[in-house]
Amino acid sequence: MRILGIDPGYAIVGCGLLDYQGGRFSTVGFGAITTEAGIPMPERLKTIYLELTGLMDTYSPDVLAVEKLYFTNNKTTGIDVAQARGVVLTVAALHGVPVYEYTPLQVKQAVVGYGRAEKKQVMEMTRIILHLKEAPKPDDVCDALAIAVCHGHCTGSAGFSL
């Protein structure tokens, strides 16, 4: 199963592509779609759409795993992130790729084994699980890989559930 993990954002969209078979992950690639500050939102969303479409066309993932949004203090930023997330979901739908959504708590539970784990713990466990020399930067990229790992764990083992 080829999993594209996405950590949605409008400045940085973290992307992590993993193959998962027989309980093992192999890293296909990872990176970020970035947009410049000060560019009008429609242009930022267009950039995300075009770059993500290119990734989908090139790598043909079987599924897309994305972080569910939750709002804390800054509702305006959350609304902008939601717009970018909508573009991600649209691209997946246009490519016929099923979407699976996970909360940060579910990702932490799946990757670290503890739903209240610190960000550093998630990054380190993601690095270890994927046999990477260092955790990818920016953090959004590592988060996207963690989301993909979460999906693999949630679907790849009959004994694993959240």
N, C-alpha and C. Protein backbone atom coordinates (compact mmCIF):
# COMPACT_ATOMS: atom_id res chain seq x y z
N MET A 1 0.85 -1.18 0.00
CA MET A 1 0.00 0.00 0.00
C MET A 1 0.90 1.23 0.00
N ARG A 2 0.64 2.14 -0.89
CA ARG A 2 1.36 3.41 -0.94
C ARG A 2 0.52 4.47 -0.25
N ILE A 3 1.10 5.08 0.78
CA ILE A 3 0.40 6.06 1.63
C ILE A 3 1.03 7.43 1.45
N LEU A 4 0.21 8.41 1.12
CA LEU A 4 0.67 9.80 1.10
C LEU A 4 0.14 10.47 2.35
N GLY A 5 1.04 10.81 3.26
CA GLY A 5 0.67 11.53 4.48
C GLY A 5 0.79 13.02 4.24
N ILE A 6 -0.22 13.76 4.71
CA ILE A 6 -0.24 15.22 4.52
C ILE A 6 -0.48 15.91 5.86
N ASP A 7 0.39 16.87 6.15
CA ASP A 7 0.17 17.79 7.27
C ASP A 7 -0.24 19.11 6.64
N PRO A 8 -1.55 19.44 6.66
CA PRO A 8 -2.03 20.59 5.90
C PRO A 8 -1.62 21.92 6.50
N GLY A 9 -1.43 22.87 5.62
CA GLY A 9 -1.13 24.25 6.01
C GLY A 9 -1.23 25.10 4.76
N TYR A 10 -1.17 26.40 4.92
CA TYR A 10 -1.21 27.27 3.74
C TYR A 10 0.16 27.86 3.44
N ALA A 11 1.05 27.91 4.42
CA ALA A 11 2.43 28.33 4.18
C ALA A 11 3.30 27.12 3.86
N ILE A 12 3.08 26.03 4.61
CA ILE A 12 3.82 24.79 4.42
C ILE A 12 2.85 23.62 4.48
N VAL A 13 2.85 22.81 3.44
CA VAL A 13 2.11 21.55 3.43
C VAL A 13 3.16 20.45 3.51
N GLY A 14 3.21 19.76 4.65
CA GLY A 14 4.15 18.66 4.78
C GLY A 14 3.64 17.45 4.02
N CYS A 15 4.53 16.77 3.30
CA CYS A 15 4.17 15.60 2.50
C CYS A 15 5.15 14.47 2.80
N GLY A 16 4.61 13.28 3.02
CA GLY A 16 5.44 12.11 3.24
C GLY A 16 4.85 10.91 2.54
N LEU A 17 5.64 10.26 1.72
CA LEU A 17 5.16 9.13 0.92
C LEU A 17 5.86 7.86 1.36
N LEU A 18 5.05 6.89 1.81
CA LEU A 18 5.58 5.63 2.30
C LEU A 18 4.92 4.46 1.59
N ASP A 19 5.69 3.40 1.42
CA ASP A 19 5.12 2.11 1.03
C ASP A 19 5.04 1.28 2.30
N TYR A 20 3.94 0.58 2.46
CA TYR A 20 3.73 -0.24 3.66
C TYR A 20 3.28 -1.62 3.20
N GLN A 21 4.09 -2.61 3.54
CA GLN A 21 3.77 -3.98 3.16
C GLN A 21 4.34 -4.94 4.20
N GLY A 22 3.53 -5.90 4.58
CA GLY A 22 3.98 -6.90 5.54
C GLY A 22 4.44 -6.33 6.85
N GLY A 23 3.80 -5.25 7.28
CA GLY A 23 4.15 -4.64 8.56
C GLY A 23 5.42 -3.81 8.51
N ARG A 24 5.94 -3.56 7.32
CA ARG A 24 7.18 -2.78 7.18
C ARG A 24 6.95 -1.56 6.29
N PHE A 25 7.62 -0.49 6.69
CA PHE A 25 7.56 0.75 5.93
C PHE A 25 8.83 0.92 5.11
N SER A 26 8.68 1.48 3.94
CA SER A 26 9.84 1.98 3.19
C SER A 26 9.49 3.40 2.74
N THR A 27 10.45 4.27 2.89
CA THR A 27 10.25 5.67 2.57
C THR A 27 10.47 5.90 1.08
N VAL A 28 9.45 6.39 0.42
CA VAL A 28 9.53 6.70 -1.01
C VAL A 28 10.08 8.12 -1.18
N GLY A 29 9.58 9.03 -0.37
CA GLY A 29 10.04 10.41 -0.43
C GLY A 29 9.29 11.30 0.52
N PHE A 30 9.81 12.48 0.73
CA PHE A 30 9.15 13.45 1.60
C PHE A 30 9.63 14.85 1.24
N GLY A 31 8.82 15.82 1.62
CA GLY A 31 9.17 17.21 1.36
C GLY A 31 8.02 18.11 1.73
N ALA A 32 8.08 19.33 1.24
CA ALA A 32 7.06 20.32 1.59
C ALA A 32 6.66 21.12 0.37
N ILE A 33 5.39 21.43 0.31
CA ILE A 33 4.88 22.40 -0.63
C ILE A 33 4.83 23.71 0.14
N THR A 34 5.51 24.73 -0.36
CA THR A 34 5.56 26.00 0.36
C THR A 34 4.98 27.12 -0.50
N THR A 35 4.38 28.07 0.20
CA THR A 35 3.88 29.27 -0.46
C THR A 35 4.44 30.48 0.27
N GLU A 36 4.66 31.54 -0.48
CA GLU A 36 5.26 32.75 0.10
C GLU A 36 4.24 33.59 0.85
N ALA A 37 4.70 34.14 1.95
CA ALA A 37 3.86 35.08 2.70
C ALA A 37 3.61 36.31 1.83
N GLY A 38 2.43 36.88 1.99
CA GLY A 38 2.10 38.09 1.26
C GLY A 38 1.43 37.85 -0.07
N ILE A 39 1.48 36.61 -0.55
CA ILE A 39 0.79 36.28 -1.80
C ILE A 39 -0.69 36.10 -1.47
N PRO A 40 -1.59 36.56 -2.34
CA PRO A 40 -3.02 36.39 -2.06
C PRO A 40 -3.38 34.91 -1.85
N MET A 41 -4.32 34.67 -0.96
CA MET A 41 -4.71 33.30 -0.63
C MET A 41 -5.10 32.48 -1.86
N PRO A 42 -5.87 33.00 -2.81
CA PRO A 42 -6.19 32.18 -3.98
C PRO A 42 -4.94 31.67 -4.71
N GLU A 43 -3.89 32.48 -4.77
CA GLU A 43 -2.65 32.06 -5.43
C GLU A 43 -1.93 30.99 -4.61
N ARG A 44 -1.97 31.13 -3.30
CA ARG A 44 -1.35 30.11 -2.43
C ARG A 44 -2.08 28.78 -2.61
N LEU A 45 -3.41 28.83 -2.63
CA LEU A 45 -4.19 27.60 -2.81
C LEU A 45 -3.95 26.97 -4.18
N LYS A 46 -3.79 27.81 -5.18
CA LYS A 46 -3.48 27.31 -6.53
C LYS A 46 -2.14 26.58 -6.54
N THR A 47 -1.14 27.15 -5.88
CA THR A 47 0.18 26.50 -5.80
C THR A 47 0.06 25.14 -5.13
N ILE A 48 -0.67 25.08 -4.03
CA ILE A 48 -0.86 23.80 -3.32
C ILE A 48 -1.56 22.81 -4.24
N TYR A 49 -2.59 23.25 -4.93
CA TYR A 49 -3.33 22.39 -5.84
C TYR A 49 -2.42 21.83 -6.93
N LEU A 50 -1.68 22.69 -7.58
CA LEU A 50 -0.84 22.26 -8.70
C LEU A 50 0.29 21.33 -8.25
N GLU A 51 0.94 21.67 -7.16
CA GLU A 51 2.06 20.83 -6.70
C GLU A 51 1.56 19.49 -6.17
N LEU A 52 0.47 19.48 -5.45
CA LEU A 52 -0.07 18.22 -4.95
C LEU A 52 -0.59 17.36 -6.10
N THR A 53 -1.19 17.99 -7.09
CA THR A 53 -1.63 17.24 -8.28
C THR A 53 -0.43 16.57 -8.95
N GLY A 54 0.67 17.28 -9.04
CA GLY A 54 1.90 16.70 -9.61
C GLY A 54 2.39 15.50 -8.81
N LEU A 55 2.34 15.60 -7.48
CA LEU A 55 2.75 14.46 -6.63
C LEU A 55 1.83 13.27 -6.86
N MET A 56 0.54 13.52 -6.90
CA MET A 56 -0.42 12.43 -7.10
C MET A 56 -0.21 11.77 -8.45
N ASP A 57 0.01 12.57 -9.50
CA ASP A 57 0.22 12.03 -10.84
C ASP A 57 1.52 11.22 -10.91
N THR A 58 2.56 11.69 -10.25
CA THR A 58 3.86 11.03 -10.30
C THR A 58 3.91 9.75 -9.48
N TYR A 59 3.35 9.77 -8.27
CA TYR A 59 3.55 8.66 -7.34
C TYR A 59 2.33 7.75 -7.15
N SER A 60 1.18 8.14 -7.62
CA SER A 60 -0.04 7.31 -7.57
C SER A 60 -0.26 6.62 -6.22
N PRO A 61 -0.45 7.41 -5.15
CA PRO A 61 -0.70 6.77 -3.86
C PRO A 61 -2.02 6.02 -3.85
N ASP A 62 -2.08 4.97 -3.03
CA ASP A 62 -3.32 4.20 -2.86
C ASP A 62 -4.29 4.91 -1.94
N VAL A 63 -3.73 5.62 -0.94
CA VAL A 63 -4.54 6.34 0.04
C VAL A 63 -3.85 7.64 0.41
N LEU A 64 -4.64 8.56 0.93
CA LEU A 64 -4.11 9.80 1.47
C LEU A 64 -4.54 9.87 2.93
N ALA A 65 -3.56 10.05 3.80
CA ALA A 65 -3.83 10.21 5.23
C ALA A 65 -3.53 11.66 5.60
N VAL A 66 -4.47 12.30 6.26
CA VAL A 66 -4.34 13.73 6.56
C VAL A 66 -4.74 13.98 8.00
N GLU A 67 -4.12 14.99 8.57
CA GLU A 67 -4.45 15.36 9.95
C GLU A 67 -5.78 16.10 10.00
N LYS A 68 -6.62 15.70 10.94
CA LYS A 68 -7.85 16.44 11.20
C LYS A 68 -7.48 17.76 11.86
N LEU A 69 -8.24 18.77 11.55
CA LEU A 69 -7.98 20.08 12.15
C LEU A 69 -8.68 20.21 13.49
N TYR A 70 -8.04 20.93 14.35
CA TYR A 70 -8.69 21.32 15.60
C TYR A 70 -8.29 22.77 15.86
N PHE A 71 -9.23 23.53 16.36
CA PHE A 71 -8.99 24.94 16.60
C PHE A 71 -8.66 25.17 18.06
N THR A 72 -7.63 25.99 18.27
CA THR A 72 -7.30 26.39 19.64
C THR A 72 -7.58 27.89 19.76
N ASN A 73 -6.57 28.70 19.82
CA ASN A 73 -6.77 30.13 20.05
C ASN A 73 -6.98 30.93 18.78
N ASN A 74 -6.21 30.66 17.73
CA ASN A 74 -6.22 31.52 16.56
C ASN A 74 -7.17 30.97 15.48
N LYS A 75 -8.41 31.42 15.52
CA LYS A 75 -9.42 30.94 14.58
C LYS A 75 -9.13 31.38 13.14
N THR A 76 -8.56 32.59 12.97
CA THR A 76 -8.28 33.08 11.63
C THR A 76 -7.27 32.18 10.93
N THR A 77 -6.19 31.83 11.60
CA THR A 77 -5.20 30.92 11.03
C THR A 77 -5.85 29.56 10.75
N GLY A 78 -6.68 29.10 11.65
CA GLY A 78 -7.37 27.81 11.46
C GLY A 78 -8.24 27.81 10.23
N ILE A 79 -8.90 28.91 9.96
CA ILE A 79 -9.74 28.99 8.76
C ILE A 79 -8.88 28.93 7.51
N ASP A 80 -7.75 29.61 7.51
CA ASP A 80 -6.85 29.56 6.36
C ASP A 80 -6.29 28.16 6.15
N VAL A 81 -5.92 27.49 7.22
CA VAL A 81 -5.44 26.11 7.12
C VAL A 81 -6.56 25.21 6.59
N ALA A 82 -7.78 25.45 7.04
CA ALA A 82 -8.92 24.67 6.56
C ALA A 82 -9.11 24.82 5.06
N GLN A 83 -8.88 26.02 4.55
CA GLN A 83 -8.98 26.22 3.10
C GLN A 83 -7.94 25.37 2.36
N ALA A 84 -6.72 25.37 2.86
CA ALA A 84 -5.66 24.57 2.24
C ALA A 84 -5.98 23.08 2.35
N ARG A 85 -6.52 22.69 3.48
CA ARG A 85 -6.90 21.29 3.67
C ARG A 85 -8.01 20.91 2.69
N GLY A 86 -8.91 21.82 2.42
CA GLY A 86 -9.96 21.58 1.43
C GLY A 86 -9.38 21.32 0.05
N VAL A 87 -8.32 22.04 -0.30
CA VAL A 87 -7.65 21.80 -1.58
C VAL A 87 -7.05 20.39 -1.59
N VAL A 88 -6.43 19.99 -0.50
CA VAL A 88 -5.85 18.64 -0.40
C VAL A 88 -6.93 17.58 -0.61
N LEU A 89 -8.06 17.74 0.07
CA LEU A 89 -9.15 16.77 -0.06
C LEU A 89 -9.71 16.75 -1.48
N THR A 90 -9.78 17.92 -2.10
CA THR A 90 -10.28 18.01 -3.48
C THR A 90 -9.35 17.28 -4.45
N VAL A 91 -8.05 17.49 -4.31
CA VAL A 91 -7.08 16.82 -5.19
C VAL A 91 -7.20 15.30 -5.02
N ALA A 92 -7.32 14.84 -3.79
CA ALA A 92 -7.48 13.40 -3.56
C ALA A 92 -8.74 12.88 -4.23
N ALA A 93 -9.84 13.59 -4.08
CA ALA A 93 -11.11 13.18 -4.69
C ALA A 93 -11.02 13.15 -6.21
N LEU A 94 -10.38 14.14 -6.79
CA LEU A 94 -10.23 14.20 -8.25
C LEU A 94 -9.38 13.05 -8.79
N HIS A 95 -8.49 12.53 -7.94
CA HIS A 95 -7.64 11.40 -8.33
C HIS A 95 -8.22 10.06 -7.91
N GLY A 96 -9.39 10.08 -7.28
CA GLY A 96 -10.01 8.84 -6.84
C GLY A 96 -9.27 8.15 -5.71
N VAL A 97 -8.55 8.92 -4.93
CA VAL A 97 -7.76 8.37 -3.82
C VAL A 97 -8.54 8.53 -2.52
N PRO A 98 -8.81 7.41 -1.82
CA PRO A 98 -9.54 7.53 -0.56
C PRO A 98 -8.74 8.31 0.50
N VAL A 99 -9.47 9.06 1.31
CA VAL A 99 -8.87 9.90 2.34
C VAL A 99 -9.20 9.34 3.72
N TYR A 100 -8.19 9.27 4.57
CA TYR A 100 -8.35 8.85 5.96
C TYR A 100 -7.84 9.98 6.84
N GLU A 101 -8.62 10.33 7.85
CA GLU A 101 -8.30 11.46 8.70
C GLU A 101 -7.96 10.99 10.12
N TYR A 102 -6.92 11.60 10.69
CA TYR A 102 -6.47 11.23 12.03
C TYR A 102 -6.25 12.47 12.87
N THR A 103 -6.65 12.39 14.12
CA THR A 103 -6.40 13.49 15.05
C THR A 103 -4.95 13.42 15.51
N PRO A 104 -4.42 14.54 16.00
CA PRO A 104 -3.06 14.51 16.55
C PRO A 104 -2.91 13.45 17.65
N LEU A 105 -3.94 13.28 18.47
CA LEU A 105 -3.89 12.26 19.53
C LEU A 105 -3.75 10.86 18.93
N GLN A 106 -4.48 10.57 17.85
CA GLN A 106 -4.38 9.26 17.20
C GLN A 106 -3.00 9.05 16.60
N VAL A 107 -2.44 10.08 16.00
CA VAL A 107 -1.10 9.97 15.41
C VAL A 107 -0.08 9.68 16.50
N LYS A 108 -0.14 10.41 17.60
CA LYS A 108 0.79 10.19 18.70
C LYS A 108 0.66 8.79 19.26
N GLN A 109 -0.57 8.32 19.42
CA GLN A 109 -0.81 6.97 19.94
C GLN A 109 -0.22 5.92 19.00
N ALA A 110 -0.42 6.09 17.71
CA ALA A 110 0.04 5.11 16.73
C ALA A 110 1.55 5.09 16.59
N VAL A 111 2.18 6.26 16.70
CA VAL A 111 3.62 6.36 16.46
C VAL A 111 4.42 6.12 17.74
N VAL A 112 3.97 6.70 18.84
CA VAL A 112 4.73 6.65 20.09
C VAL A 112 4.14 5.63 21.07
N GLY A 113 2.83 5.39 20.97
CA GLY A 113 2.18 4.50 21.92
C GLY A 113 1.57 5.26 23.09
N TYR A 114 1.61 6.60 22.99
CA TYR A 114 1.07 7.44 24.06
C TYR A 114 0.46 8.67 23.41
N GLY A 115 -0.83 8.86 23.59
CA GLY A 115 -1.56 9.94 22.94
C GLY A 115 -1.19 11.34 23.38
N ARG A 116 -0.51 11.48 24.49
CA ARG A 116 -0.09 12.80 24.97
C ARG A 116 1.41 13.01 24.80
N ALA A 117 2.02 12.27 23.90
CA ALA A 117 3.46 12.38 23.67
C ALA A 117 3.83 13.78 23.22
N GLU A 118 5.06 14.17 23.53
CA GLU A 118 5.59 15.46 23.09
C GLU A 118 5.98 15.37 21.62
N LYS A 119 6.01 16.52 20.97
CA LYS A 119 6.36 16.58 19.55
C LYS A 119 7.73 15.94 19.28
N LYS A 120 8.70 16.21 20.15
CA LYS A 120 10.04 15.63 19.97
C LYS A 120 10.00 14.10 19.99
N GLN A 121 9.15 13.53 20.84
CA GLN A 121 9.02 12.07 20.89
C GLN A 121 8.45 11.52 19.58
N VAL A 122 7.45 12.20 19.04
CA VAL A 122 6.85 11.77 17.78
C VAL A 122 7.88 11.85 16.66
N MET A 123 8.63 12.92 16.61
CA MET A 123 9.64 13.09 15.58
C MET A 123 10.71 12.01 15.68
N GLU A 124 11.15 11.73 16.88
CA GLU A 124 12.20 10.71 17.06
C GLU A 124 11.69 9.32 16.72
N MET A 125 10.49 8.98 17.15
CA MET A 125 9.95 7.65 16.82
C MET A 125 9.70 7.52 15.32
N THR A 126 9.26 8.57 14.68
CA THR A 126 9.08 8.54 13.22
C THR A 126 10.42 8.27 12.55
N ARG A 127 11.44 8.95 13.00
CA ARG A 127 12.79 8.74 12.47
C ARG A 127 13.23 7.30 12.63
N ILE A 128 13.00 6.74 13.81
CA ILE A 128 13.41 5.36 14.10
C ILE A 128 12.61 4.37 13.26
N ILE A 129 11.31 4.52 13.22
CA ILE A 129 10.44 3.61 12.47
C ILE A 129 10.83 3.57 11.00
N LEU A 130 11.20 4.73 10.46
CA LEU A 130 11.51 4.83 9.03
C LEU A 130 13.01 4.69 8.72
N HIS A 131 13.80 4.44 9.77
CA HIS A 131 15.25 4.23 9.61
C HIS A 131 15.92 5.42 8.92
N LEU A 132 15.54 6.62 9.36
CA LEU A 132 16.13 7.83 8.81
C LEU A 132 17.29 8.29 9.70
N LYS A 133 18.29 8.91 9.11
CA LYS A 133 19.44 9.39 9.88
C LYS A 133 19.05 10.53 10.82
N GLU A 134 18.13 11.37 10.35
CA GLU A 134 17.64 12.46 11.18
C GLU A 134 16.18 12.74 10.83
N ALA A 135 15.51 13.38 11.75
CA ALA A 135 14.11 13.74 11.50
C ALA A 135 14.06 14.80 10.43
N PRO A 136 13.20 14.63 9.42
CA PRO A 136 13.10 15.62 8.34
C PRO A 136 12.67 16.98 8.86
N LYS A 137 13.13 18.00 8.17
CA LYS A 137 12.76 19.38 8.47
C LYS A 137 12.07 19.96 7.25
N PRO A 138 11.21 20.90 7.37
CA PRO A 138 10.67 21.42 8.62
C PRO A 138 9.80 20.37 9.32
N ASP A 139 9.37 20.69 10.52
CA ASP A 139 8.57 19.77 11.33
C ASP A 139 7.33 19.26 10.60
N ASP A 140 6.77 20.08 9.73
CA ASP A 140 5.56 19.71 8.99
C ASP A 140 5.79 18.45 8.15
N VAL A 141 7.01 18.30 7.64
CA VAL A 141 7.35 17.12 6.83
C VAL A 141 7.38 15.88 7.71
N CYS A 142 8.01 16.00 8.87
CA CYS A 142 8.05 14.87 9.81
C CYS A 142 6.64 14.53 10.28
N ASP A 143 5.82 15.54 10.50
CA ASP A 143 4.43 15.31 10.89
C ASP A 143 3.69 14.53 9.81
N ALA A 144 3.92 14.88 8.54
CA ALA A 144 3.27 14.18 7.44
C ALA A 144 3.68 12.70 7.41
N LEU A 145 4.96 12.44 7.64
CA LEU A 145 5.43 11.04 7.70
C LEU A 145 4.79 10.31 8.87
N ALA A 146 4.66 10.99 10.01
CA ALA A 146 4.02 10.38 11.18
C ALA A 146 2.56 10.04 10.89
N ILE A 147 1.88 10.90 10.15
CA ILE A 147 0.48 10.66 9.78
C ILE A 147 0.41 9.42 8.88
N ALA A 148 1.35 9.29 7.94
CA ALA A 148 1.39 8.12 7.08
C ALA A 148 1.68 6.85 7.88
N VAL A 149 2.59 6.93 8.84
CA VAL A 149 2.89 5.79 9.72
C VAL A 149 1.63 5.41 10.50
N CYS A 150 0.94 6.40 11.00
CA CYS A 150 -0.31 6.17 11.74
C CYS A 150 -1.28 5.37 10.88
N HIS A 151 -1.44 5.78 9.63
CA HIS A 151 -2.38 5.06 8.77
C HIS A 151 -1.93 3.63 8.55
N GLY A 152 -0.66 3.43 8.31
CA GLY A 152 -0.15 2.07 8.13
C GLY A 152 -0.42 1.20 9.34
N HIS A 153 -0.15 1.73 10.51
CA HIS A 153 -0.39 0.97 11.73
C HIS A 153 -1.88 0.69 11.94
N CYS A 154 -2.71 1.66 11.61
CA CYS A 154 -4.16 1.51 11.84
C CYS A 154 -4.80 0.53 10.86
N THR A 155 -4.26 0.40 9.69
CA THR A 155 -4.88 -0.47 8.68
C THR A 155 -4.11 -1.75 8.44
N GLY A 156 -2.86 -1.78 8.84
CA GLY A 156 -2.01 -2.91 8.48
C GLY A 156 -1.93 -4.03 9.49
N SER A 157 -2.51 -3.84 10.65
CA SER A 157 -2.42 -4.86 11.69
C SER A 157 -3.79 -5.09 12.29
N ALA A 158 -4.22 -6.32 12.24
CA ALA A 158 -5.54 -6.65 12.79
C ALA A 158 -5.61 -6.39 14.28
N GLY A 159 -4.46 -6.43 14.96
CA GLY A 159 -4.45 -6.25 16.39
C GLY A 159 -4.28 -4.82 16.84
N PHE A 160 -4.10 -3.89 15.88
CA PHE A 160 -3.85 -2.51 16.23
C PHE A 160 -5.11 -1.70 16.01
N SER A 161 -5.52 -0.96 17.00
CA SER A 161 -6.66 -0.08 16.83
C SER A 161 -6.51 1.15 17.70
N LEU A 162 -7.19 2.19 17.32
CA LEU A 162 -7.16 3.44 18.11
C LEU A 162 -8.53 3.69 18.69
